[in-house]
Amino acid sequence: MAGPQELGDPLGEGALEAEAPASSCLAGNRLNLDVYPEGCRLFHKLYEKRREEVEQVEFLRLSCNEELITSTLSTIPVLKGLKSLVLKGGHTRDEIGTPQRGLVASLPQELGELSHLAHLDLGFNSFSALPPCITKLGSLRSLLVSHNSLQGLPEDFGQLSNLTFFSAMKNQLQSLPQSIGELAALETLDLSENALESLPEEIGNLHSCTELDLSGNLLTGIPSSLGNLQSLRQLHLHSNLLVTVPASLAGLPNLSRLDLQNNRLRSIPPEIQSLPFVHLRGNPLGEPEVPLQPDSNSRPEKLQRLFLEAGEDSFTVTPEGCRVFLACGVQFCFPLGATTTSVNIHFQKHSPDPQWVKLKDHDILLSEVLELQPHGIHFQKEVLIWLPYASTQYLHDREIVIRTFSGQNWSDLRTRVEWKEKPKKHVACCSVPHFSWFLVVSRLVENECRVPQEGALLFSTVDPNIKVTFPPGVTEETRTVKLQVLPVSSEDLQEITNDPETVASPLLCLSQNSSIDFLQPVKIQLPLPPGVTGLTLDRSRVHLLHSDWNAQNWNDITSQVVLEFTHLYALFEVTHFSWYWLWCTTKTYIGGFAKYVYKRLRMYQVNFIALQRKKDPEQVLLQCVPKHKVDPVLKRLHDRYRGPEPSDMVEMVEGEQFFAAFERGISIDADRPDCTDGRISFNFFSHLKNVKEVYITSEVDRKSKSVKGQVSFYRGAVPDDIPEEVTKRRKGPDSHWLATLPIKLPKLKSQGKEQPTTPNGFSLPPLNLGNAETGYLTQANLLAIAGRVGADWPTIGLNLGLSYQEVEQIRYNYRDDLGAQVLHMLFSWAQQNEKHPDCVDKLISAMKESGRQDIADEITAIIALGRQKYRESIRRVGLDQESSTEDSAIAMV
């Protein structure tokens, strides 16, 4: 054991101050030190002062996020009577709130001599292998090693013959030893969220197992020996790569839940599909086998492959079928015979407009909107589509779905998530029933079941403690019921309420496909709020809340229902479905309080940044960034941009509109499609890039002094259901002001001659790049673009195809006039390429290759606006008869 000096003088003044709390936590045979910031130091203090008492401890808890944990581990084996040992990390968090793993990666061999140890928790640590001493613990009944980096289990793991509970969730396990079948007493086995690709046949020897969780792995199949687990009640296999399951599972006599959601099951034994407790959502049942990265040799028919480049917006599908790969990462598969004639497909991406893209309260938008035309076209065979989406942290309470617009409303399609190797990212895949608009959304996990006259039982996969029981005779006709759960952490609730005594259960939302209430009451089971048990429950503080579908008003219905309590659960009966929420609090006006908390749960904390390009300060980047992403974004932009510190934190809601306005002598081009009343419009989506680059000017003469202006951010039209805290108004005329950041345009450098309107000897031709149908770039558009190019013009010129000699000649001829250099480069190229059919696409590509995505986006927006105006003018004068006839013919395909 380390001496006093090594421990930083624990006998000194600081330790004496800690002696009281250290002594108080030694209660009988229990020592709980993981709640103290220096628990390990206190352990050494106690061991030195009260050694005999400490050696009698049977229950010990320590935090593994402390540097002294290593020296503390060497002392633990002297606690010969120890029955329960908790050595967990996760007690500290990083700057974005992620729990930090503990420092423990190994254990002393002497720990295996603790002959009475029955419970061992090593969660949230840094183990890459299970310490050998663990398999020596013959009395061990409960072992938790979740949230580590284990890649395998030792071959002698089966020696733990008394083990009844084992959890290794969230590791990197790739295989299991055959000896796992020797764990005859094992009742609960949790191996979820690992990398298991197969299971040994011996797993079927776990005859005492009642719950087996293998979800979130890479399993393509499971052994038929699982049909031997006669005690099994719950089997979780969702979120794997299963293509088949053995029919033997249907013979398990005690099985009450079989979760097969989000796999690759295209067929399933009928005896399993008929089980009332099987969950199959997210599987391509009945769909043809089409791999994500199609191999032309994998099927008898070889489908043509089409690879479209940036700028292309259409392709042709023939009766022979094809596989289409768009430059943006979207993929299609049109099988052989999908069409009877050739069909021209048009596609276009749109920025999501919250007035059109209606999100539910807890939805997260993960992609732009993809439009496919002709709208409503039907195919002879199903067409598959793969949509890439913004990366999002895996959360067990959320799922990815593709949402489509039918012309009247949005609906969710049966979706599965696939892994795309090149580039490495996830994509959402589904069969599309029609062509219209599509996007990817992350929503709360939706569990559903069919309720017949005989009744049914519905569990939540997010929290299995939440269940709904439908008794026999509850309905005359079979109906479908859906269940969603929103977990609420105690930390979030206390931060919002500033009341440590207020706790609440997860939110439960129930819905059905019938407007008729149930004929008999439906029993709901909710877990009691954290820290509350049936033994400590104060019924006067318990409130059951009910809300309408929009969660606008929460009503206390405690006196209207019969609430029953067990040690862990609250049970009540209802006949009407919507939102339910169980609270334990001393607050009186609980309905309004819950409304406030619910709406705060929807908010995101964000910062605004405004940075100027170092080479061209007239180019300004504006972005709204979630708080935890600010530092990585600034680090990435540091080499090319400079500017003030980010704004203070503000709160915004998914899909909320806001504007950026340049003030105090600084202005922008009002011809931008996204400019409204001189303000640049944005829509905030937490997982999309809320960023734009704009070119600013000033009417102030900058020859003698710089211009010190500012950019202010204002909230747009605020929906009615946004909390008052979000819409707090600043005093004065700026009623929706959010933040203001300084912008400075430097004094212009003196030049040898006045900048001419046009370069000397070079007149601006009346150019129109493109055509009326696809959209024009006019001379005015080119002049506006030239004003944004700045010092990047040589790189852009080279990417447009100008030779190095041409670029150097322009640089020399107009060496004292940057504006003339840009104009000469751009208009001389435009004059030479005006008749070329893809000149606009070439200009967009050149901007992207030169690192000027901002200009490329602006050109794309101008072209899209021109194309829209052209189509509207055609419709107005009645010249769209030919296209209408063509669409009608295509719809008959």
Foldseek 3Di string as FASTA:
>chain_A
DDDCVVLVNCVDPVVVVVQVVLVVQLDQQEHEQQVDPPSLSSVVVCCVVPVVSPLCHAEYEHEQQDPCVVVSLVVVLSSLNHAEYEYFFQPDADPVRGGAAGADAEHDLSNLNSQRHAYYAYERHAHQADYPSVLSRQNHAEYHHANYAHQEYDQSNLSNQNHAYYAHEHYAHAAYHLSVLSNQNHAEYHHEQYAHAAYDLSVLNNQNHAEYAHYNYAYQEYDLSVLNNLNHAEYHHDHYAHQEYDPSVLVNPRHQAAEHEQYAHQDYPPSVVPDQRYHYFLYNHVADDADPPHDLPPDPQRAAEAEDDPPDFKDKAALSWHWYAYPVGKIKTQHRRFDHGIDMKGKDWDADACVAPPDALAKFFWWTKMAIDPWFFGTPHWMKMKAFTFDDDDDQFKDKWKWDDNPPDIDTFRWHWDFDVVVTGIIIMGTDGTGGMIGMMIDTDKWKGKAAQQWGKTADPNDRQKIKTGHHRFDHGIWMKIKGWAADDLVLVCVQVVDNQKWKFIKMFMDIPDPDWTPDWMKIKTWDTPPDFPVRDDVVQKFKWDAAANLQWIDTCVVVWDWDHHGTIIMTIDRDTGMIMMMGHPDDPVGVVVLSSVLVVQKFKWWWDWWAFPQGRQKIKIFIAGPVCVVVVCVVCVVTIDFDDIWDIAIDGAFWKKWKAKDQFKFFDCPFPQHDPRIGMFTDRHRDTRMAMTGMDGPDQLQVFKGKIKMWMFTDPDDPSRDPSRQCADPDDRGGTDGMGIGMGGRDDDFPDDADPEPVPDDQDFAWAADQQQATCTSVNLLSLLSVCHPLQLQLLVLLPDDPVVLVVLCVSPVRHRSNSSRCSSRVSCVVCRPPNCSLVSSLVSCVVSVNPNSSVRSVSNSVVSNVVSVVVCVVVVNCPVVVVVSVVSSVD
